[in-house]
Amino acid sequence: MSSTASTPFIHHKDLPSAVVPVVIDILAPSEWERYAEGLTEAQKTFAGERQFTGEAAQRLRLPEADGRVKRTLVGIGETDDAGEMRLGSLSSALPSGYYQFGRVPSKIDTRLAAIAWGMGTYRFDRYLSEKSDPAILVLDGDDAVSAEIIATVDATKLCRDLINTPAGDMGPIALGQAAFDLAGKYGADVKSVVGEELLEQNYPMIHAVGRAAHEAPRLVEIEWGDPSHPRLAIIGKGITFDTGGVNMKSASGSRLMKKDMGGAAHALALSHLIMATNLPVRLHCLLAIAENAVSANAYRPGDILQSRIGLTVEIDNTDAEGRLVLGDALTKATESNPDFMIDFATLTGAARVALGPHLPPMFCNRPAPIEGVARHGAAQLDPVWNMPLWQPYNSMLSSPIASLKNSGGGFAGSVTAALFLERFVKNTPWMHFDTYGWNPTPRPGHPKGGDMYGVRAVYAWLKAGGLNARLSE
């Protein structure tokens, strides 16, 4: 499922001896005048005619006297919200070849700039007959840092590839296989519960949501790491296509529903990062996988579903299915007594209305992790925003004939969805991300299409020892 013909990185020691990389100099307007003093008059004229001054988003391939390009300039401005992600915009525009960072201002994190470079080279070309090689960045320095850069970009590619793949090729079987493939790569334990086995092993809501589809629903679990390390459960919503069920979506509403397994893609991406960098974590990844289809045996509005935790759920709307499959998976995760649980889900349109496509809301039932994840997210240019688990809104989920219903109505949709999930985590420390999983318009480091939000923020928090905090308070 590779999305590019080759990797966007090469280690300096592996660079062919005859290759001289193009140097990339990163400049702000205040630095341009002094920098220009080192250019030839012809180069100054060339830059002047193209009005390059180091402003944000400016790019210039600077020719030598013989016409060859040995330097590329990129402007970052004095203040620029995109920051290091500008390098993702540059790498997406450059022709294939070898490049290396030259002049880098002190305010630029070269590790993050390299990650942005790799994120910008992404192309989903699985169905294209013509492939193109990416611009390749030469990594020079600490091997561990280089490995983390590559792992981060690989995780991003994995997430994007899974989301971008059409549902015809990314149904429950294929998504489950992606989890098995990842587990096999790192020697992790993996197992699945499929079809009627879900009823036998008490996952009734996952079964109900997926029973109408031609490919059976399933719960896939990955276990990895030293049992003595803090136990982290990562749960992903894997609805491979969402018709809306009996409450069927409109044509426009269903157009992007191949991305409704984006939560599972995020969970696999974070698991990939943890295992690739060998973080001191005891990992438990759970994917609740189903297609929400319509047939004679589809679940219906008004049905009462049993759940693994013992609560009964009245179905108010069959298009609120993601929280149902997550409910059983969250319950299963709590049974191993994790120190912390994180779920990712493309859960509500209300979250997009509140915060737009690029800023995922984060809900947490403990105060301790909130500041740390948000701070690391800001530093990694992977922002998240804390939203409240506003307990009075639980009344919107009340049902006269069941423990609760699966939809809270038109108000505070992302909050009531999170409150629904909270009913299935018992008292376990838990964080929930309601992610869009899609970038509607291209921006630096983020091509249009399937995209990853919040994973790099969480990874940075984990790497900094987030699980060692007093999470239970």
Protein backbone atom coordinates (compact mmCIF):
# COMPACT_ATOMS: atom_id res chain seq x y z
CA MET A 1 0.00 0.00 0.00
CA SER A 2 2.97 2.29 -0.54
CA SER A 3 2.04 5.83 -1.47
CA THR A 4 5.41 6.87 -2.89
CA ALA A 5 7.96 5.15 -5.07
CA SER A 6 10.76 5.59 -2.53
CA THR A 7 11.51 7.03 0.88
CA PRO A 8 11.93 10.83 1.22
CA PHE A 9 15.07 10.38 3.36
CA ILE A 10 18.59 9.06 3.07
CA HIS A 11 21.32 8.93 5.71
CA HIS A 12 24.39 10.99 4.87
CA LYS A 13 26.59 7.91 5.15
CA ASP A 14 24.47 6.19 2.48
CA LEU A 15 24.64 9.06 0.00
CA PRO A 16 26.29 8.06 -3.29
CA SER A 17 29.74 9.63 -3.49
CA ALA A 18 29.05 11.33 -6.81
CA VAL A 19 25.90 13.06 -5.53
CA VAL A 20 26.09 16.67 -4.35
CA PRO A 21 22.79 17.59 -2.64
CA VAL A 22 21.09 20.91 -3.28
CA VAL A 23 21.47 23.08 -0.19
CA ILE A 24 18.29 24.50 1.38
CA ASP A 25 18.71 27.81 3.17
CA ILE A 26 15.86 28.95 5.40
CA LEU A 27 15.51 32.72 5.77
CA ALA A 28 13.45 35.40 7.48
CA PRO A 29 13.14 38.95 6.08
CA SER A 30 15.42 40.39 8.77
CA GLU A 31 18.17 38.03 7.63
CA TRP A 32 17.83 38.51 3.90
CA GLU A 33 19.98 41.60 3.44
CA ARG A 34 23.00 40.11 5.18
CA TYR A 35 22.52 36.77 3.44
CA ALA A 36 22.31 38.47 0.05
CA GLU A 37 25.78 39.96 0.58
CA GLY A 38 27.19 36.51 -0.09
CA LEU A 39 25.45 36.17 -3.45
CA THR A 40 26.78 37.13 -6.85
CA GLU A 41 25.36 40.21 -8.53
CA ALA A 42 23.56 37.96 -10.98
CA GLN A 43 21.96 36.01 -8.14
CA LYS A 44 20.92 39.21 -6.37
CA THR A 45 19.30 40.40 -9.56
CA PHE A 46 17.62 37.03 -10.06
CA ALA A 47 16.20 37.11 -6.51
CA GLY A 48 15.18 40.75 -6.78
CA GLU A 49 13.24 40.24 -9.99
CA ARG A 50 11.35 37.46 -8.28
CA GLN A 51 10.80 39.65 -5.21
CA PHE A 52 12.31 37.12 -2.81
CA THR A 53 12.83 38.70 0.63
CA GLY A 54 12.33 35.78 3.03
CA GLU A 55 8.64 36.33 3.61
CA ALA A 56 6.58 33.32 4.63
CA ALA A 57 5.80 30.86 1.81
CA GLN A 58 8.35 32.36 -0.61
CA ARG A 59 10.52 29.84 -2.46
CA LEU A 60 13.40 30.38 -4.86
CA ARG A 61 15.62 27.93 -6.72
CA LEU A 62 18.84 29.93 -7.07
CA PRO A 63 20.96 29.19 -10.17
CA GLU A 64 24.75 29.35 -10.38
CA ALA A 65 26.61 31.02 -13.25
CA ASP A 66 26.46 27.78 -15.24
CA GLY A 67 22.68 27.57 -14.81
CA ARG A 68 22.72 24.68 -12.34
CA VAL A 69 20.74 24.98 -9.11
CA LYS A 70 22.86 24.29 -6.05
CA ARG A 71 20.78 26.23 -3.52
CA THR A 72 17.10 26.60 -2.82
CA LEU A 73 15.83 29.38 -0.58
CA VAL A 74 12.66 29.22 1.49
CA GLY A 75 11.14 32.10 3.42
CA ILE A 76 9.56 31.66 6.83
CA GLY A 77 8.74 35.28 7.65
CA GLU A 78 9.28 36.89 11.02
CA THR A 79 6.15 35.22 12.37
CA ASP A 80 4.53 32.31 10.60
CA ASP A 81 1.80 30.03 11.91
CA ALA A 82 3.01 27.25 9.62
CA GLY A 83 6.52 27.36 11.14
CA GLU A 84 8.56 24.28 10.27
CA MET A 85 5.65 22.97 8.19
CA ARG A 86 6.84 25.36 5.47
CA LEU A 87 9.40 22.69 4.67
CA GLY A 88 6.51 20.39 3.84
CA SER A 89 5.27 22.92 1.34
CA LEU A 90 8.76 23.14 -0.15
CA SER A 91 9.31 19.38 -0.47
CA SER A 92 5.97 18.96 -2.22
CA ALA A 93 7.01 21.51 -4.87
CA LEU A 94 10.62 20.51 -5.53
CA PRO A 95 11.65 18.12 -8.31
CA SER A 96 13.02 14.72 -7.34
CA GLY A 97 16.64 14.74 -6.27
CA TYR A 98 18.78 15.05 -3.13
CA TYR A 99 18.62 18.00 -0.73
CA GLN A 100 20.14 18.95 2.60
CA PHE A 101 19.55 21.72 5.11
CA GLY A 102 22.13 24.48 5.00
CA ARG A 103 21.43 27.72 6.80
CA VAL A 104 18.76 27.18 9.48
CA PRO A 105 17.64 29.95 11.88
CA SER A 106 17.88 29.12 15.57
CA LYS A 107 14.09 29.32 15.93
CA ILE A 108 13.69 26.35 13.55
CA ASP A 109 13.66 22.82 15.01
CA THR A 110 15.51 20.81 12.35
CA ARG A 111 13.96 17.54 13.56
CA LEU A 112 10.46 18.94 13.13
CA ALA A 113 11.44 20.54 9.82
CA ALA A 114 12.61 17.12 8.55
CA ILE A 115 9.32 15.54 9.65
CA ALA A 116 7.45 18.29 7.82
CA TRP A 117 9.58 17.61 4.75
CA GLY A 118 8.56 13.97 4.77
CA MET A 119 4.90 14.79 5.40
CA GLY A 120 4.93 17.12 2.41
CA THR A 121 6.29 14.52 -0.01
CA TYR A 122 3.30 12.22 0.51
CA ARG A 123 1.35 11.14 -2.58
CA PHE A 124 -1.45 8.61 -2.68
CA ASP A 125 -0.63 6.96 -6.00
CA ARG A 126 -1.89 3.42 -5.47
CA TYR A 127 -4.31 3.73 -8.39
CA LEU A 128 -2.11 5.83 -10.68
CA SER A 129 -0.13 4.25 -13.48
CA GLU A 130 2.60 6.88 -13.27
CA LYS A 131 4.58 7.12 -10.04
CA SER A 132 7.01 9.87 -9.11
CA ASP A 133 9.98 9.79 -6.78
CA PRO A 134 9.92 12.30 -3.91
CA ALA A 135 12.50 14.95 -3.17
CA ILE A 136 14.96 13.21 -0.82
CA LEU A 137 16.34 14.92 2.28
CA VAL A 138 19.79 13.95 3.55
CA LEU A 139 19.70 13.23 7.29
CA ASP A 140 22.93 13.94 9.11
CA GLY A 141 23.40 13.53 12.83
CA ASP A 142 22.23 11.30 15.65
CA ASP A 143 20.97 7.93 14.39
CA ALA A 144 18.22 7.78 17.01
CA VAL A 145 16.87 11.17 15.93
CA SER A 146 16.98 10.13 12.29
CA ALA A 147 15.16 6.89 13.12
CA GLU A 148 12.45 8.81 14.96
CA ILE A 149 12.01 11.19 12.02
CA ILE A 150 11.60 8.28 9.63
CA ALA A 151 9.23 6.45 11.99
CA THR A 152 7.05 9.54 12.36
CA VAL A 153 6.77 10.04 8.62
CA ASP A 154 6.13 6.32 8.10
CA ALA A 155 3.35 6.43 10.71
CA THR A 156 1.81 9.43 8.98
CA LYS A 157 1.94 7.62 5.63
CA LEU A 158 0.35 4.54 7.15
CA CYS A 159 -2.51 6.59 8.58
CA ARG A 160 -3.06 8.51 5.34
CA ASP A 161 -2.85 5.43 3.12
CA LEU A 162 -5.42 3.55 5.18
CA ILE A 163 -7.85 6.48 5.13
CA ASN A 164 -7.35 7.28 1.45
CA THR A 165 -7.93 3.72 0.27
CA PRO A 166 -11.51 3.31 -1.00
CA ALA A 167 -13.87 1.13 1.01
CA GLY A 168 -13.96 -1.41 -1.81
CA ASP A 169 -10.33 -2.19 -1.00
CA MET A 170 -10.38 -1.27 2.70
CA GLY A 171 -13.23 -3.25 4.20
CA PRO A 172 -13.19 -5.03 7.56
CA ILE A 173 -10.96 -7.83 6.25
CA ALA A 174 -8.33 -5.48 4.79
CA LEU A 175 -8.31 -3.17 7.81
CA GLY A 176 -7.93 -6.14 10.12
CA GLN A 177 -5.08 -7.42 7.95
CA ALA A 178 -3.33 -4.04 8.24
CA ALA A 179 -3.27 -4.55 12.01
CA PHE A 180 -1.89 -8.08 11.62
CA ASP A 181 0.78 -6.79 9.23
CA LEU A 182 1.87 -4.08 11.67
CA ALA A 183 1.98 -6.53 14.57
CA GLY A 184 4.05 -8.94 12.50
CA LYS A 185 6.56 -6.22 11.65
CA TYR A 186 7.36 -5.65 15.33
CA GLY A 187 6.83 -9.16 16.69
CA ALA A 188 3.71 -8.16 18.61
CA ASP A 189 0.95 -10.54 19.63
CA VAL A 190 -2.26 -10.10 17.64
CA LYS A 191 -5.66 -11.76 17.61
CA SER A 192 -9.17 -11.09 16.35
CA VAL A 193 -12.75 -11.96 17.20
CA VAL A 194 -14.84 -12.16 14.03
CA GLY A 195 -18.52 -12.40 13.10
CA GLU A 196 -20.69 -14.62 15.29
CA GLU A 197 -17.76 -15.05 17.68
CA LEU A 198 -18.45 -11.46 18.75
CA LEU A 199 -21.76 -12.60 20.26
CA GLU A 200 -20.17 -15.66 21.82
CA GLN A 201 -17.46 -13.55 23.45
CA ASN A 202 -19.80 -10.70 24.46
CA TYR A 203 -19.24 -7.86 22.00
CA PRO A 204 -22.91 -7.36 21.08
CA MET A 205 -22.72 -3.74 19.91
CA ILE A 206 -19.83 -4.34 17.50
CA HIS A 207 -21.77 -7.28 16.08
CA ALA A 208 -25.03 -5.32 15.76
CA VAL A 209 -23.44 -2.46 13.83
CA GLY A 210 -21.59 -4.73 11.39
CA ARG A 211 -23.92 -7.68 10.96
CA ALA A 212 -25.64 -6.31 7.81
CA ALA A 213 -22.41 -6.02 5.80
CA HIS A 214 -20.99 -8.65 3.45
CA GLU A 215 -17.71 -8.71 5.41
CA ALA A 216 -18.05 -9.68 9.05
CA PRO A 217 -17.33 -7.19 11.85
CA ARG A 218 -14.40 -7.86 14.14
CA LEU A 219 -12.39 -6.76 17.14
CA VAL A 220 -8.63 -6.86 16.58
CA GLU A 221 -6.16 -6.62 19.47
CA ILE A 222 -2.40 -6.03 19.43
CA GLU A 223 -0.25 -6.56 22.54
CA TRP A 224 3.38 -5.44 22.66
CA GLY A 225 6.03 -4.39 25.14
CA ASP A 226 7.46 -5.17 28.56
CA PRO A 227 4.70 -6.01 31.09
CA SER A 228 6.62 -4.01 33.72
CA HIS A 229 6.11 -0.77 31.77
CA PRO A 230 3.03 1.45 32.15
CA ARG A 231 0.07 -0.11 30.34
CA LEU A 232 -1.47 2.02 27.59
CA ALA A 233 -4.63 1.06 25.74
CA ILE A 234 -5.20 2.69 22.34
CA ILE A 235 -8.65 2.19 20.86
CA GLY A 236 -9.71 3.03 17.31
CA LYS A 237 -13.07 3.32 15.58
CA GLY A 238 -12.85 1.25 12.39
CA ILE A 239 -16.09 1.83 10.47
CA THR A 240 -14.80 1.03 6.99
CA PHE A 241 -17.82 2.64 5.33
CA ASP A 242 -20.75 4.38 6.94
CA THR A 243 -23.99 4.45 4.97
CA GLY A 244 -25.72 5.80 8.07
CA GLY A 245 -27.57 2.51 8.31
CA VAL A 246 -31.37 2.65 8.18
CA ASN A 247 -31.05 6.40 8.94
CA MET A 248 -29.21 6.62 5.63
CA LYS A 249 -26.91 9.49 4.78
CA SER A 250 -27.43 11.76 1.79
CA ALA A 251 -25.25 11.45 -1.31
CA SER A 252 -23.04 14.32 -0.16
CA GLY A 253 -22.90 12.97 3.39
CA SER A 254 -21.71 9.55 2.26
CA ARG A 255 -19.11 10.77 -0.25
CA LEU A 256 -16.18 10.70 2.19
CA MET A 257 -17.35 7.86 4.40
CA LYS A 258 -14.38 5.72 3.35
CA LYS A 259 -12.61 7.81 6.00
CA ASP A 260 -14.87 6.66 8.84
CA MET A 261 -12.21 4.12 9.83
CA GLY A 262 -9.84 7.02 10.45
CA GLY A 263 -9.83 6.41 14.19
CA ALA A 264 -8.44 2.91 13.65
CA ALA A 265 -5.87 4.36 11.24
CA HIS A 266 -4.80 6.83 13.94
CA ALA A 267 -4.60 4.05 16.54
CA LEU A 268 -2.39 1.96 14.25
CA ALA A 269 -0.21 4.97 13.45
CA LEU A 270 0.40 5.72 17.13
CA SER A 271 1.05 2.04 17.81
CA HIS A 272 3.54 2.03 14.94
CA LEU A 273 5.39 5.00 16.42
CA ILE A 274 5.50 3.45 19.88
CA MET A 275 6.86 0.14 18.62
CA ALA A 276 9.25 1.62 16.03
CA THR A 277 10.92 3.84 18.63
CA ASN A 278 10.70 1.21 21.38
CA LEU A 279 9.01 3.48 23.91
CA PRO A 280 8.81 2.03 27.45
CA VAL A 281 5.10 1.28 27.11
CA ARG A 282 3.07 -1.88 27.51
CA LEU A 283 0.86 -1.39 24.45
CA HIS A 284 -2.67 -2.74 24.01
CA CYS A 285 -4.22 -1.58 20.73
CA LEU A 286 -7.87 -2.44 20.07
CA LEU A 287 -9.67 -1.82 16.78
CA ALA A 288 -13.46 -2.05 16.62
CA ILE A 289 -14.03 -2.80 12.93
CA ALA A 290 -17.33 -2.96 11.04
CA GLU A 291 -19.10 -1.63 7.98
CA ASN A 292 -22.35 0.17 8.81
CA ALA A 293 -24.42 -1.21 5.93
CA VAL A 294 -28.12 -1.67 5.17
CA SER A 295 -29.78 -5.02 4.56
CA ALA A 296 -32.68 -7.04 5.91
CA ASN A 297 -30.85 -7.79 9.16
CA ALA A 298 -29.56 -4.27 9.85
CA TYR A 299 -30.16 -2.86 13.29
CA ARG A 300 -32.94 -0.27 13.45
CA PRO A 301 -33.95 2.95 15.20
CA GLY A 302 -35.79 2.01 18.35
CA ASP A 303 -33.87 -1.23 18.87
CA ILE A 304 -32.40 -1.92 22.28
CA LEU A 305 -28.84 -3.24 22.17
CA GLN A 306 -27.02 -5.06 24.91
CA SER A 307 -23.42 -4.02 25.61
CA ARG A 308 -20.37 -5.73 27.01
CA ILE A 309 -20.45 -3.59 30.14
CA GLY A 310 -24.07 -4.54 30.86
CA LEU A 311 -25.78 -1.28 29.92
CA THR A 312 -28.67 -1.35 27.48
CA VAL A 313 -28.67 1.20 24.65
CA GLU A 314 -31.74 2.49 22.83
CA ILE A 315 -30.93 3.27 19.20
CA ASP A 316 -32.07 6.81 18.52
CA ASN A 317 -30.16 7.03 15.23
CA THR A 318 -28.31 4.27 13.35
CA ASP A 319 -25.89 6.89 12.03
CA ALA A 320 -24.47 7.24 15.56
CA GLU A 321 -22.79 3.85 15.23
CA GLY A 322 -19.16 4.65 15.97
CA ARG A 323 -19.81 5.18 19.66
CA LEU A 324 -21.51 1.77 19.81
CA VAL A 325 -18.54 -0.23 18.52
CA LEU A 326 -16.21 1.87 20.66
CA GLY A 327 -18.34 1.17 23.75
CA ASP A 328 -17.62 -2.56 23.62
CA ALA A 329 -13.94 -2.00 22.75
CA LEU A 330 -13.46 0.51 25.58
CA THR A 331 -15.04 -1.91 28.02
CA LYS A 332 -12.67 -4.66 26.88
CA ALA A 333 -9.70 -2.32 27.29
CA THR A 334 -10.62 -1.54 30.91
CA GLU A 335 -10.55 -5.22 31.81
CA SER A 336 -6.74 -5.26 31.60
CA ASN A 337 -6.49 -2.37 34.09
CA PRO A 338 -4.51 0.04 31.89
CA ASP A 339 -2.78 3.02 33.43
CA PHE A 340 -4.27 5.15 30.65
CA MET A 341 -6.65 4.75 27.70
CA ILE A 342 -6.78 6.85 24.53
CA ASP A 343 -9.32 6.47 21.77
CA PHE A 344 -9.41 8.03 18.31
CA ALA A 345 -12.62 8.29 16.33
CA THR A 346 -14.09 10.14 13.36
CA LEU A 347 -17.12 10.53 15.58
CA THR A 348 -19.19 13.68 15.07
CA GLY A 349 -19.89 16.44 12.58
CA ALA A 350 -20.49 18.63 15.61
CA ALA A 351 -16.75 18.59 16.35
CA ARG A 352 -16.08 20.00 12.88
CA VAL A 353 -18.68 22.71 13.37
CA ALA A 354 -17.07 23.65 16.69
CA LEU A 355 -13.39 23.53 15.75
CA GLY A 356 -13.10 22.95 12.01
CA PRO A 357 -11.22 20.18 10.19
CA HIS A 358 -7.69 20.77 11.51
CA LEU A 359 -8.16 21.08 15.28
CA PRO A 360 -9.45 17.91 16.96
CA PRO A 361 -11.29 18.24 20.25
CA MET A 362 -9.76 16.32 23.13
CA PHE A 363 -11.84 15.10 26.07
CA CYS A 364 -10.28 13.69 29.22
CA ASN A 365 -11.69 12.43 32.51
CA ARG A 366 -8.55 13.43 34.42
CA PRO A 367 -6.97 16.90 34.61
CA ALA A 368 -3.31 15.79 34.68
CA PRO A 369 -2.79 14.76 31.00
CA ILE A 370 -4.64 17.68 29.42
CA GLU A 371 -2.02 20.39 29.74
CA GLY A 372 0.85 18.12 28.77
CA VAL A 373 -0.74 16.74 25.59
CA ALA A 374 -1.87 20.22 24.52
CA ARG A 375 1.57 21.71 25.18
CA HIS A 376 3.39 19.00 23.26
CA GLY A 377 0.86 19.28 20.45
CA ALA A 378 1.54 22.99 20.08
CA ALA A 379 5.30 22.40 20.07
CA GLN A 380 4.98 19.72 17.37
CA LEU A 381 2.60 21.80 15.21
CA ASP A 382 -0.02 19.14 15.87
CA PRO A 383 -2.54 21.17 17.89
CA VAL A 384 -5.43 19.76 19.91
CA TRP A 385 -8.09 21.56 21.94
CA ASN A 386 -9.52 20.52 25.29
CA MET A 387 -13.31 20.25 25.46
CA PRO A 388 -15.45 19.62 28.55
CA LEU A 389 -17.09 16.40 29.63
CA TRP A 390 -20.01 18.52 30.78
CA GLN A 391 -21.87 16.17 33.11
CA PRO A 392 -25.26 17.97 33.09
CA TYR A 393 -25.56 17.04 29.40
CA ASN A 394 -25.83 13.38 30.36
CA SER A 395 -29.54 14.07 30.65
CA MET A 396 -29.63 14.39 26.84
CA LEU A 397 -28.71 10.70 26.62
CA SER A 398 -31.44 9.49 28.95
CA SER A 399 -33.94 6.91 27.75
CA PRO A 400 -37.20 5.84 29.44
CA ILE A 401 -36.73 2.21 28.32
CA ALA A 402 -32.96 1.62 28.39
CA SER A 403 -29.86 2.62 30.36
CA LEU A 404 -29.16 5.34 27.78
CA LYS A 405 -29.68 6.15 24.13
CA ASN A 406 -27.00 6.56 21.49
CA SER A 407 -27.70 10.13 20.40
CA GLY A 408 -28.11 13.29 22.40
CA GLY A 409 -29.96 15.39 19.84
CA GLY A 410 -28.91 18.56 18.05
CA PHE A 411 -27.04 20.38 20.82
CA ALA A 412 -23.39 19.84 21.88
CA GLY A 413 -23.06 16.74 19.72
CA SER A 414 -19.35 16.15 20.30
CA VAL A 415 -19.82 16.56 24.07
CA THR A 416 -22.74 14.14 24.31
CA ALA A 417 -20.86 11.62 22.14
CA ALA A 418 -17.90 11.83 24.52
CA LEU A 419 -20.23 11.47 27.51
CA PHE A 420 -21.68 8.34 25.91
CA LEU A 421 -18.18 6.86 25.62
CA GLU A 422 -17.35 7.82 29.20
CA ARG A 423 -20.07 5.46 30.40
CA PHE A 424 -17.97 2.53 29.12
CA VAL A 425 -14.57 3.38 30.61
CA LYS A 426 -15.57 2.78 34.25
CA ASN A 427 -13.14 4.83 36.35
CA THR A 428 -10.08 4.31 34.13
CA PRO A 429 -8.02 7.41 33.20
CA TRP A 430 -9.09 8.08 29.62
CA MET A 431 -8.69 10.55 26.75
CA HIS A 432 -10.86 10.77 23.63
CA PHE A 433 -10.07 12.45 20.30
CA ASP A 434 -12.89 13.28 17.89
CA THR A 435 -10.80 13.64 14.73
CA TYR A 436 -11.86 14.52 11.20
CA GLY A 437 -9.13 12.39 9.62
CA TRP A 438 -9.25 14.45 6.44
CA ASN A 439 -7.60 17.57 5.06
CA PRO A 440 -10.10 19.30 2.73
CA THR A 441 -7.61 21.74 1.18
CA PRO A 442 -3.82 21.41 0.79
CA ARG A 443 -1.62 23.29 3.25
CA PRO A 444 2.07 23.09 4.21
CA GLY A 445 2.94 19.51 5.15
CA HIS A 446 -0.65 18.39 4.67
CA PRO A 447 -1.73 17.38 1.16
CA LYS A 448 -5.44 17.17 0.47
CA GLY A 449 -6.98 13.87 1.57
CA GLY A 450 -6.67 11.52 4.50
CA ASP A 451 -4.65 13.04 7.31
CA MET A 452 -3.45 12.41 10.85
CA TYR A 453 -4.30 14.66 13.79
CA GLY A 454 -3.24 14.42 17.43
CA VAL A 455 -0.96 11.38 17.08
CA ARG A 456 2.30 13.33 17.09
CA ALA A 457 1.04 15.32 20.08
CA VAL A 458 0.30 12.18 22.07
CA TYR A 459 3.56 10.53 21.04
CA ALA A 460 5.61 13.52 22.21
CA TRP A 461 3.75 13.46 25.54
CA LEU A 462 4.39 9.74 25.93
CA LYS A 463 8.05 10.14 25.03
CA ALA A 464 8.39 12.87 27.68
CA GLY A 465 7.14 10.44 30.32
CA GLY A 466 3.46 11.32 30.33
CA LEU A 467 2.43 7.90 31.60
CA ASN A 468 4.62 8.36 34.66
CA ALA A 469 2.47 11.21 35.96
CA ARG A 470 -0.22 10.69 38.60
CA LEU A 471 -2.88 9.96 36.00
CA SER A 472 -5.41 8.43 38.36
CA GLU A 473 -6.00 11.63 40.31
